[in-house]
Amino acid sequence: MARKLAVIGAGLMGSGIAQVSAQAGWDVVLRDVTDEALRRGTDGIKASYDKFVAKGRLAADDAEAALTRITTTTDLDAAADADVVVEAVFEKLEVKHEIFRALDKLVKDEAILASNTSAIPITKIAAVTERPERVVGTHFFSPVPMMQLCELVRGYKTSDETLATAREFAESTGKTCIVVNRDVAGFVTTRLISALVVEAAKLYESGVATAEDIDLACKLGFGHAMGPLATADLTGVDILLHATGNIYTESQDEKFAPPELMRRMVDAGDIGRKSGQGFYKH
């Protein structure tokens, strides 16, 4: 299999995808718009490798070798010779369109263009390219080095060959894949967690139960590793508000309409762990 990967976006997801891919032997170019973003991304990768080495889950030599397989750049042209390109930028269709238009002109004909989007239909992203059959969703989960799942999403025109290549890529990084055969907004996992978070936030907002008790109910009653409100804090209330909003706009299904509380939390900057306050104090 071809082994040159370009990852567009060096945030938490992009750097995580770069990390597991380099560890699996891929040559990775990690691209972002600023050197500072790239520095943050690579610092995070180094710190994560160090943790794995300290826990005996990765040999120091292998971590060193993986790091040498990652190069960073602010130049999108660096994706030109990639076999697989994974976009992992902000969940805004206009931003993704801009990148996919540029990549479409840049990359070689046989390359596949993948998006790590968690809620935007792949067909919408692919529509701005001349190769919609070579566009696919590869939705990894955070934190990428720890989470086993990758959701492969077939756009309206995604070819079987593209889906197979995407599966081969994701599985080569140690992930287990599920396939989303119909390109609905939010796919499988984001629809499920969004519906759960929205309902949990409504229960909390209306004083039915505390955040702690709602999460405890899901952990002990359903065997969830983490409750929905703690998940919202970890993911970012702003990210989930955006995702649920996208799904609601597409589906007009009331169960995805974000409660007012989530909007006010985002307005106030209480977006979870990264701000120190969300449904919980951190």
C-alpha atoms as a PDB file:
ATOM      1  CA  MET A   1       0.000   0.000   0.000  1.00  0.00           C
ATOM      2  CA  ALA A   2       1.071   3.583  -0.700  1.00  0.00           C
ATOM      3  CA  ARG A   3       2.560   5.175   2.419  1.00  0.00           C
ATOM      4  CA  LYS A   4       2.649   8.966   1.986  1.00  0.00           C
ATOM      5  CA  LEU A   5       0.081  10.835   4.063  1.00  0.00           C
ATOM      6  CA  ALA A   6      -0.730  14.525   4.278  1.00  0.00           C
ATOM      7  CA  VAL A   7      -2.730  15.761   7.278  1.00  0.00           C
ATOM      8  CA  ILE A   8      -4.278  19.215   6.940  1.00  0.00           C
ATOM      9  CA  GLY A   9      -4.723  20.802  10.357  1.00  0.00           C
ATOM     10  CA  ALA A  10      -2.377  20.277  13.320  1.00  0.00           C
ATOM     11  CA  GLY A  11      -4.955  20.581  16.106  1.00  0.00           C
ATOM     12  CA  LEU A  12      -5.850  17.808  18.527  1.00  0.00           C
ATOM     13  CA  MET A  13      -7.356  15.580  15.827  1.00  0.00           C
ATOM     14  CA  GLY A  14      -4.877  16.291  13.028  1.00  0.00           C
ATOM     15  CA  SER A  15      -1.827  15.820  15.233  1.00  0.00           C
ATOM     16  CA  GLY A  16      -3.346  12.618  16.660  1.00  0.00           C
ATOM     17  CA  ILE A  17      -3.917  11.210  13.157  1.00  0.00           C
ATOM     18  CA  ALA A  18      -0.348  12.175  12.213  1.00  0.00           C
ATOM     19  CA  GLN A  19       0.939  10.489  15.373  1.00  0.00           C
ATOM     20  CA  VAL A  20      -0.721   7.090  14.865  1.00  0.00           C
ATOM     21  CA  SER A  21       0.072   7.101  11.132  1.00  0.00           C
ATOM     22  CA  ALA A  22       3.786   7.847  11.638  1.00  0.00           C
ATOM     23  CA  GLN A  23       3.910   5.156  14.304  1.00  0.00           C
ATOM     24  CA  ALA A  24       2.410   2.736  11.743  1.00  0.00           C
ATOM     25  CA  GLY A  25       5.166   3.545   9.242  1.00  0.00           C
ATOM     26  CA  TRP A  26       3.547   6.258   7.131  1.00  0.00           C
ATOM     27  CA  ASP A  27       5.605   9.232   5.965  1.00  0.00           C
ATOM     28  CA  VAL A  28       3.512  12.144   7.191  1.00  0.00           C
ATOM     29  CA  VAL A  29       3.478  15.795   6.252  1.00  0.00           C
ATOM     30  CA  LEU A  30       1.487  17.835   8.778  1.00  0.00           C
ATOM     31  CA  ARG A  31       0.248  21.171   7.504  1.00  0.00           C
ATOM     32  CA  ASP A  32      -1.271  24.142   9.313  1.00  0.00           C
ATOM     33  CA  VAL A  33      -1.455  27.869   8.620  1.00  0.00           C
ATOM     34  CA  THR A  34       0.971  29.011  11.327  1.00  0.00           C
ATOM     35  CA  ASP A  35       4.286  27.768  12.683  1.00  0.00           C
ATOM     36  CA  GLU A  36       2.876  28.198  16.193  1.00  0.00           C
ATOM     37  CA  ALA A  37       0.008  25.761  15.468  1.00  0.00           C
ATOM     38  CA  LEU A  38       2.516  23.285  14.036  1.00  0.00           C
ATOM     39  CA  ARG A  39       4.742  23.652  17.091  1.00  0.00           C
ATOM     40  CA  ARG A  40       1.806  22.974  19.435  1.00  0.00           C
ATOM     41  CA  GLY A  41       0.853  19.932  17.362  1.00  0.00           C
ATOM     42  CA  THR A  42       4.325  18.406  17.298  1.00  0.00           C
ATOM     43  CA  ASP A  43       4.867  19.155  21.016  1.00  0.00           C
ATOM     44  CA  GLY A  44       1.666  17.218  21.707  1.00  0.00           C
ATOM     45  CA  ILE A  45       2.839  14.292  19.567  1.00  0.00           C
ATOM     46  CA  LYS A  46       6.220  14.176  21.340  1.00  0.00           C
ATOM     47  CA  ALA A  47       4.568  14.308  24.767  1.00  0.00           C
ATOM     48  CA  SER A  48       2.196  11.494  23.804  1.00  0.00           C
ATOM     49  CA  TYR A  49       5.014   9.288  22.478  1.00  0.00           C
ATOM     50  CA  ASP A  50       6.952   9.967  25.707  1.00  0.00           C
ATOM     51  CA  LYS A  51       3.972   8.770  27.753  1.00  0.00           C
ATOM     52  CA  PHE A  52       3.713   5.560  25.724  1.00  0.00           C
ATOM     53  CA  VAL A  53       7.459   4.955  26.134  1.00  0.00           C
ATOM     54  CA  ALA A  54       7.276   5.613  29.903  1.00  0.00           C
ATOM     55  CA  LYS A  55       4.422   3.094  30.199  1.00  0.00           C
ATOM     56  CA  GLY A  56       6.348   0.503  28.184  1.00  0.00           C
ATOM     57  CA  ARG A  57       3.794   0.513  25.363  1.00  0.00           C
ATOM     58  CA  LEU A  58       6.245   1.848  22.777  1.00  0.00           C
ATOM     59  CA  ALA A  59       9.994   1.347  22.414  1.00  0.00           C
ATOM     60  CA  ALA A  60      12.046   4.561  22.611  1.00  0.00           C
ATOM     61  CA  ASP A  61      13.680   3.729  19.259  1.00  0.00           C
ATOM     62  CA  ASP A  62      10.273   3.291  17.610  1.00  0.00           C
ATOM     63  CA  ALA A  63       9.064   6.614  19.019  1.00  0.00           C
ATOM     64  CA  GLU A  64      12.194   8.326  17.694  1.00  0.00           C
ATOM     65  CA  ALA A  65      11.757   6.690  14.279  1.00  0.00           C
ATOM     66  CA  ALA A  66       8.082   7.732  14.147  1.00  0.00           C
ATOM     67  CA  LEU A  67       9.004  11.351  14.932  1.00  0.00           C
ATOM     68  CA  THR A  68      11.484  11.422  12.056  1.00  0.00           C
ATOM     69  CA  ARG A  69       8.683  10.363   9.706  1.00  0.00           C
ATOM     70  CA  ILE A  70       6.699  13.554  10.490  1.00  0.00           C
ATOM     71  CA  THR A  71       7.537  16.784   8.670  1.00  0.00           C
ATOM     72  CA  THR A  72       5.646  20.047   9.162  1.00  0.00           C
ATOM     73  CA  THR A  73       4.815  22.865   6.790  1.00  0.00           C
ATOM     74  CA  THR A  74       2.566  25.887   6.269  1.00  0.00           C
ATOM     75  CA  ASP A  75       2.517  25.177   2.523  1.00  0.00           C
ATOM     76  CA  LEU A  76      -0.506  23.252   1.191  1.00  0.00           C
ATOM     77  CA  ASP A  77       1.527  22.331  -1.908  1.00  0.00           C
ATOM     78  CA  ALA A  78       3.354  19.784   0.293  1.00  0.00           C
ATOM     79  CA  ALA A  79       0.287  17.536  -0.125  1.00  0.00           C
ATOM     80  CA  ALA A  80       0.916  17.244  -3.872  1.00  0.00           C
ATOM     81  CA  ASP A  81       2.612  13.828  -3.774  1.00  0.00           C
ATOM     82  CA  ALA A  82       0.506  12.304  -0.972  1.00  0.00           C
ATOM     83  CA  ASP A  83      -1.347   9.039  -1.557  1.00  0.00           C
ATOM     84  CA  VAL A  84      -3.896   9.851   1.151  1.00  0.00           C
ATOM     85  CA  VAL A  85      -4.842  13.331   2.382  1.00  0.00           C
ATOM     86  CA  VAL A  86      -6.829  13.733   5.600  1.00  0.00           C
ATOM     87  CA  GLU A  87      -8.406  17.111   6.312  1.00  0.00           C
ATOM     88  CA  ALA A  88      -8.849  17.838  10.030  1.00  0.00           C
ATOM     89  CA  VAL A  89      -9.694  21.544  10.214  1.00  0.00           C
ATOM     90  CA  PHE A  90     -12.516  23.472  11.907  1.00  0.00           C
ATOM     91  CA  GLU A  91     -16.046  22.091  11.410  1.00  0.00           C
ATOM     92  CA  LYS A  92     -17.190  24.795   9.025  1.00  0.00           C
ATOM     93  CA  LEU A  93     -18.237  23.868   5.500  1.00  0.00           C
ATOM     94  CA  GLU A  94     -16.774  27.023   3.904  1.00  0.00           C
ATOM     95  CA  VAL A  95     -13.351  26.311   5.438  1.00  0.00           C
ATOM     96  CA  LYS A  96     -13.425  22.707   4.249  1.00  0.00           C
ATOM     97  CA  HIS A  97     -14.596  23.788   0.775  1.00  0.00           C
ATOM     98  CA  GLU A  98     -11.660  26.146   0.435  1.00  0.00           C
ATOM     99  CA  ILE A  99      -9.219  23.347   1.311  1.00  0.00           C
ATOM    100  CA  PHE A 100     -10.829  20.684  -0.878  1.00  0.00           C
ATOM    101  CA  ARG A 101     -10.958  23.032  -3.886  1.00  0.00           C
ATOM    102  CA  ALA A 102      -7.228  23.664  -3.496  1.00  0.00           C
ATOM    103  CA  LEU A 103      -6.369  19.991  -2.872  1.00  0.00           C
ATOM    104  CA  ASP A 104      -8.388  18.908  -5.899  1.00  0.00           C
ATOM    105  CA  LYS A 105      -6.076  20.932  -8.145  1.00  0.00           C
ATOM    106  CA  LEU A 106      -2.922  19.896  -6.261  1.00  0.00           C
ATOM    107  CA  VAL A 107      -2.932  16.192  -5.570  1.00  0.00           C
ATOM    108  CA  LYS A 108      -2.305  13.351  -8.000  1.00  0.00           C
ATOM    109  CA  ASP A 109      -5.247  11.698  -9.736  1.00  0.00           C
ATOM    110  CA  GLU A 110      -5.085   8.461  -7.763  1.00  0.00           C
ATOM    111  CA  ALA A 111      -4.876  10.142  -4.336  1.00  0.00           C
ATOM    112  CA  ILE A 112      -7.835   9.908  -2.012  1.00  0.00           C
ATOM    113  CA  LEU A 113      -9.152  12.968  -0.201  1.00  0.00           C
ATOM    114  CA  ALA A 114     -10.529  12.199   3.242  1.00  0.00           C
ATOM    115  CA  SER A 115     -12.273  14.400   5.787  1.00  0.00           C
ATOM    116  CA  ASN A 116     -12.210  13.867   9.535  1.00  0.00           C
ATOM    117  CA  THR A 117     -15.517  15.743   9.876  1.00  0.00           C
ATOM    118  CA  SER A 118     -17.836  14.411  12.558  1.00  0.00           C
ATOM    119  CA  ALA A 119     -21.100  15.906  11.315  1.00  0.00           C
ATOM    120  CA  ILE A 120     -20.905  17.503   7.841  1.00  0.00           C
ATOM    121  CA  PRO A 121     -22.146  15.320   4.954  1.00  0.00           C
ATOM    122  CA  ILE A 122     -19.223  14.060   2.836  1.00  0.00           C
ATOM    123  CA  THR A 123     -21.270  14.638  -0.332  1.00  0.00           C
ATOM    124  CA  LYS A 124     -21.369  18.381   0.464  1.00  0.00           C
ATOM    125  CA  ILE A 125     -17.599  18.484   0.928  1.00  0.00           C
ATOM    126  CA  ALA A 126     -16.933  16.404  -2.215  1.00  0.00           C
ATOM    127  CA  ALA A 127     -19.216  18.568  -4.363  1.00  0.00           C
ATOM    128  CA  VAL A 128     -16.562  21.278  -4.827  1.00  0.00           C
ATOM    129  CA  THR A 129     -14.068  18.808  -6.316  1.00  0.00           C
ATOM    130  CA  GLU A 130     -13.763  17.272  -9.772  1.00  0.00           C
ATOM    131  CA  ARG A 131     -13.285  13.848  -8.127  1.00  0.00           C
ATOM    132  CA  PRO A 132     -16.224  13.204  -5.747  1.00  0.00           C
ATOM    133  CA  GLU A 133     -15.699   9.455  -6.230  1.00  0.00           C
ATOM    134  CA  ARG A 134     -12.274   9.810  -4.532  1.00  0.00           C
ATOM    135  CA  VAL A 135     -13.593  11.699  -1.483  1.00  0.00           C
ATOM    136  CA  VAL A 136     -14.456   9.797   1.705  1.00  0.00           C
ATOM    137  CA  GLY A 137     -15.029  10.394   5.406  1.00  0.00           C
ATOM    138  CA  THR A 138     -12.479   9.053   7.902  1.00  0.00           C
ATOM    139  CA  HIS A 139     -13.894  10.127  11.252  1.00  0.00           C
ATOM    140  CA  PHE A 140     -11.312   9.343  13.953  1.00  0.00           C
ATOM    141  CA  PHE A 141     -12.090   9.767  17.639  1.00  0.00           C
ATOM    142  CA  SER A 142     -10.413  11.854  20.313  1.00  0.00           C
ATOM    143  CA  PRO A 143      -7.865  11.225  21.680  1.00  0.00           C
ATOM    144  CA  VAL A 144      -6.804   9.487  18.451  1.00  0.00           C
ATOM    145  CA  PRO A 145      -3.895   7.476  19.951  1.00  0.00           C
ATOM    146  CA  MET A 146      -6.248   5.920  22.543  1.00  0.00           C
ATOM    147  CA  MET A 147      -9.553   5.496  20.711  1.00  0.00           C
ATOM    148  CA  GLN A 148     -10.063   2.329  18.692  1.00  0.00           C
ATOM    149  CA  LEU A 149     -12.803   3.465  16.312  1.00  0.00           C
ATOM    150  CA  CYS A 150     -12.736   5.034  12.864  1.00  0.00           C
ATOM    151  CA  GLU A 151     -16.037   5.781  11.151  1.00  0.00           C
ATOM    152  CA  LEU A 152     -15.715   5.469   7.349  1.00  0.00           C
ATOM    153  CA  VAL A 153     -18.317   7.518   5.528  1.00  0.00           C
ATOM    154  CA  ARG A 154     -19.380   6.910   1.957  1.00  0.00           C
ATOM    155  CA  GLY A 155     -20.430  10.086   0.148  1.00  0.00           C
ATOM    156  CA  TYR A 156     -23.106   9.882  -2.549  1.00  0.00           C
ATOM    157  CA  LYS A 157     -20.427   9.272  -5.201  1.00  0.00           C
ATOM    158  CA  THR A 158     -17.618   7.640  -3.177  1.00  0.00           C
ATOM    159  CA  SER A 159     -16.294   4.607  -5.086  1.00  0.00           C
ATOM    160  CA  ASP A 160     -15.826   1.133  -3.607  1.00  0.00           C
ATOM    161  CA  GLU A 161     -12.103   1.437  -4.345  1.00  0.00           C
ATOM    162  CA  THR A 162     -11.843   4.703  -2.368  1.00  0.00           C
ATOM    163  CA  LEU A 163     -13.693   3.192   0.572  1.00  0.00           C
ATOM    164  CA  ALA A 164     -11.394   0.142   0.487  1.00  0.00           C
ATOM    165  CA  THR A 165      -8.268   2.366   0.439  1.00  0.00           C
ATOM    166  CA  ALA A 166      -9.619   4.432   3.340  1.00  0.00           C
ATOM    167  CA  ARG A 167     -10.275   1.240   5.316  1.00  0.00           C
ATOM    168  CA  GLU A 168      -6.768  -0.037   4.557  1.00  0.00           C
ATOM    169  CA  PHE A 169      -5.301   3.265   5.753  1.00  0.00           C
ATOM    170  CA  ALA A 170      -7.348   3.400   8.979  1.00  0.00           C
ATOM    171  CA  GLU A 171      -6.738  -0.264   9.798  1.00  0.00           C
ATOM    172  CA  SER A 172      -3.000   0.187   9.188  1.00  0.00           C
ATOM    173  CA  THR A 173      -3.006   2.683  12.096  1.00  0.00           C
ATOM    174  CA  GLY A 174      -4.598   0.067  14.358  1.00  0.00           C
ATOM    175  CA  LYS A 175      -8.192   1.260  14.131  1.00  0.00           C
ATOM    176  CA  THR A 176     -11.363  -0.791  13.823  1.00  0.00           C
ATOM    177  CA  CYS A 177     -13.750   0.612  11.215  1.00  0.00           C
ATOM    178  CA  ILE A 178     -17.483   0.878  10.858  1.00  0.00           C
ATOM    179  CA  VAL A 179     -18.977   1.915   7.518  1.00  0.00           C
ATOM    180  CA  VAL A 180     -21.674   4.569   7.130  1.00  0.00           C
ATOM    181  CA  ASN A 181     -23.352   3.618   3.864  1.00  0.00           C
ATOM    182  CA  ARG A 182     -25.755   6.540   3.672  1.00  0.00           C
ATOM    183  CA  ASP A 183     -24.309  10.008   4.031  1.00  0.00           C
ATOM    184  CA  VAL A 184     -26.604  11.493   6.681  1.00  0.00           C
ATOM    185  CA  ALA A 185     -25.483  14.523   8.708  1.00  0.00           C
ATOM    186  CA  GLY A 186     -23.759  13.330  11.872  1.00  0.00           C
ATOM    187  CA  PHE A 187     -23.279   9.797  10.509  1.00  0.00           C
ATOM    188  CA  VAL A 188     -23.808   7.132  13.205  1.00  0.00           C
ATOM    189  CA  THR A 189     -21.733   8.162  16.213  1.00  0.00           C
ATOM    190  CA  THR A 190     -22.256  11.935  16.230  1.00  0.00           C
ATOM    191  CA  ARG A 191     -26.021  11.457  15.853  1.00  0.00           C
ATOM    192  CA  LEU A 192     -26.072   9.073  18.817  1.00  0.00           C
ATOM    193  CA  ILE A 193     -23.923  11.208  21.131  1.00  0.00           C
ATOM    194  CA  SER A 194     -25.666  14.434  20.034  1.00  0.00           C
ATOM    195  CA  ALA A 195     -29.124  13.041  20.819  1.00  0.00           C
ATOM    196  CA  LEU A 196     -27.859  11.834  24.208  1.00  0.00           C
ATOM    197  CA  VAL A 197     -26.065  15.107  25.081  1.00  0.00           C
ATOM    198  CA  VAL A 198     -29.054  17.232  24.016  1.00  0.00           C
ATOM    199  CA  GLU A 199     -31.436  15.193  26.179  1.00  0.00           C
ATOM    200  CA  ALA A 200     -28.988  15.146  29.117  1.00  0.00           C
ATOM    201  CA  ALA A 201     -28.543  18.939  28.872  1.00  0.00           C
ATOM    202  CA  LYS A 202     -32.336  19.412  28.794  1.00  0.00           C
ATOM    203  CA  LEU A 203     -32.749  17.234  31.905  1.00  0.00           C
ATOM    204  CA  TYR A 204     -30.031  19.232  33.657  1.00  0.00           C
ATOM    205  CA  GLU A 205     -31.388  22.586  32.429  1.00  0.00           C
ATOM    206  CA  SER A 206     -34.884  21.839  33.735  1.00  0.00           C
ATOM    207  CA  GLY A 207     -33.599  20.717  37.147  1.00  0.00           C
ATOM    208  CA  VAL A 208     -34.627  17.074  36.799  1.00  0.00           C
ATOM    209  CA  ALA A 209     -31.245  15.869  38.101  1.00  0.00           C
ATOM    210  CA  THR A 210     -27.698  17.087  38.677  1.00  0.00           C
ATOM    211  CA  ALA A 211     -25.003  16.721  36.009  1.00  0.00           C
ATOM    212  CA  GLU A 212     -23.244  14.189  38.238  1.00  0.00           C
ATOM    213  CA  ASP A 213     -26.359  12.034  38.633  1.00  0.00           C
ATOM    214  CA  ILE A 214     -27.248  12.140  34.936  1.00  0.00           C
ATOM    215  CA  ASP A 215     -23.731  10.980  34.060  1.00  0.00           C
ATOM    216  CA  LEU A 216     -23.758   8.358  36.815  1.00  0.00           C
ATOM    217  CA  ALA A 217     -27.037   6.967  35.435  1.00  0.00           C
ATOM    218  CA  CYS A 218     -25.419   6.469  32.010  1.00  0.00           C
ATOM    219  CA  LYS A 219     -22.264   4.935  33.468  1.00  0.00           C
ATOM    220  CA  LEU A 220     -23.936   2.502  35.849  1.00  0.00           C
ATOM    221  CA  GLY A 221     -27.193   1.966  33.975  1.00  0.00           C
ATOM    222  CA  PHE A 222     -25.819   1.643  30.437  1.00  0.00           C
ATOM    223  CA  GLY A 223     -22.180   0.748  31.035  1.00  0.00           C
ATOM    224  CA  HIS A 224     -20.890   3.937  29.422  1.00  0.00           C
ATOM    225  CA  ALA A 225     -17.254   4.720  30.247  1.00  0.00           C
ATOM    226  CA  MET A 226     -18.150   8.396  30.590  1.00  0.00           C
ATOM    227  CA  GLY A 227     -21.479  10.201  30.965  1.00  0.00           C
ATOM    228  CA  PRO A 228     -22.818  12.528  28.226  1.00  0.00           C
ATOM    229  CA  LEU A 229     -22.229  15.794  30.113  1.00  0.00           C
ATOM    230  CA  ALA A 230     -18.657  14.829  31.046  1.00  0.00           C
ATOM    231  CA  THR A 231     -18.203  13.879  27.357  1.00  0.00           C
ATOM    232  CA  ALA A 232     -19.487  17.321  26.340  1.00  0.00           C
ATOM    233  CA  ASP A 233     -16.931  18.953  28.635  1.00  0.00           C
ATOM    234  CA  LEU A 234     -14.137  16.779  27.229  1.00  0.00           C
ATOM    235  CA  THR A 235     -15.093  17.328  23.586  1.00  0.00           C
ATOM    236  CA  GLY A 236     -15.985  20.988  24.086  1.00  0.00           C
ATOM    237  CA  VAL A 237     -19.529  22.274  24.548  1.00  0.00           C
ATOM    238  CA  ASP A 238     -18.868  24.606  21.597  1.00  0.00           C
ATOM    239  CA  ILE A 239     -17.883  21.690  19.336  1.00  0.00           C
ATOM    240  CA  LEU A 240     -20.993  19.709  20.272  1.00  0.00           C
ATOM    241  CA  LEU A 241     -23.234  22.753  19.913  1.00  0.00           C
ATOM    242  CA  HIS A 242     -21.847  23.207  16.407  1.00  0.00           C
ATOM    243  CA  ALA A 243     -22.301  19.505  15.558  1.00  0.00           C
ATOM    244  CA  THR A 244     -25.866  19.307  16.875  1.00  0.00           C
ATOM    245  CA  GLY A 245     -26.666  22.552  15.052  1.00  0.00           C
ATOM    246  CA  ASN A 246     -25.352  21.071  11.780  1.00  0.00           C
ATOM    247  CA  ILE A 247     -27.409  17.909  12.213  1.00  0.00           C
ATOM    248  CA  TYR A 248     -30.534  19.877  13.145  1.00  0.00           C
ATOM    249  CA  THR A 249     -30.133  22.182  10.131  1.00  0.00           C
ATOM    250  CA  GLU A 250     -29.803  19.183   7.795  1.00  0.00           C
ATOM    251  CA  SER A 251     -32.442  16.912   9.336  1.00  0.00           C
ATOM    252  CA  GLN A 252     -34.914  19.366  10.924  1.00  0.00           C
ATOM    253  CA  ASP A 253     -35.303  16.670  13.575  1.00  0.00           C
ATOM    254  CA  GLU A 254     -36.255  18.334  16.875  1.00  0.00           C
ATOM    255  CA  LYS A 255     -34.280  15.860  18.969  1.00  0.00           C
ATOM    256  CA  PHE A 256     -31.089  17.517  17.680  1.00  0.00           C
ATOM    257  CA  ALA A 257     -32.189  21.087  18.472  1.00  0.00           C
ATOM    258  CA  PRO A 258     -29.582  22.282  21.003  1.00  0.00           C
ATOM    259  CA  PRO A 259     -31.078  23.509  24.305  1.00  0.00           C
ATOM    260  CA  GLU A 260     -30.730  27.194  25.199  1.00  0.00           C
ATOM    261  CA  LEU A 261     -28.441  26.291  28.105  1.00  0.00           C
ATOM    262  CA  MET A 262     -25.740  25.021  25.716  1.00  0.00           C
ATOM    263  CA  ARG A 263     -25.937  28.238  23.677  1.00  0.00           C
ATOM    264  CA  ARG A 264     -25.599  30.389  26.804  1.00  0.00           C
ATOM    265  CA  MET A 265     -22.665  28.318  28.077  1.00  0.00           C
ATOM    266  CA  VAL A 266     -20.849  28.885  24.780  1.00  0.00           C
ATOM    267  CA  ASP A 267     -21.739  32.612  24.831  1.00  0.00           C
ATOM    268  CA  ALA A 268     -20.233  32.821  28.341  1.00  0.00           C
ATOM    269  CA  GLY A 269     -17.121  30.847  27.391  1.00  0.00           C
ATOM    270  CA  ASP A 270     -17.989  27.893  29.655  1.00  0.00           C
ATOM    271  CA  ILE A 271     -17.054  25.331  27.040  1.00  0.00           C
ATOM    272  CA  GLY A 272     -15.646  22.525  29.183  1.00  0.00           C
ATOM    273  CA  ARG A 273     -12.204  21.300  30.152  1.00  0.00           C
ATOM    274  CA  LYS A 274     -10.325  23.666  27.865  1.00  0.00           C
ATOM    275  CA  SER A 275     -11.871  26.715  29.596  1.00  0.00           C
ATOM    276  CA  GLY A 276     -11.926  25.261  33.139  1.00  0.00           C
ATOM    277  CA  GLN A 277     -15.717  25.315  33.352  1.00  0.00           C
ATOM    278  CA  GLY A 278     -18.496  23.508  31.531  1.00  0.00           C
ATOM    279  CA  PHE A 279     -21.167  21.288  33.041  1.00  0.00           C
ATOM    280  CA  TYR A 280     -18.436  20.665  35.649  1.00  0.00           C
ATOM    281  CA  LYS A 281     -15.668  22.774  37.146  1.00  0.00           C
ATOM    282  CA  HIS A 282     -12.231  21.554  35.984  1.00  0.00           C
END
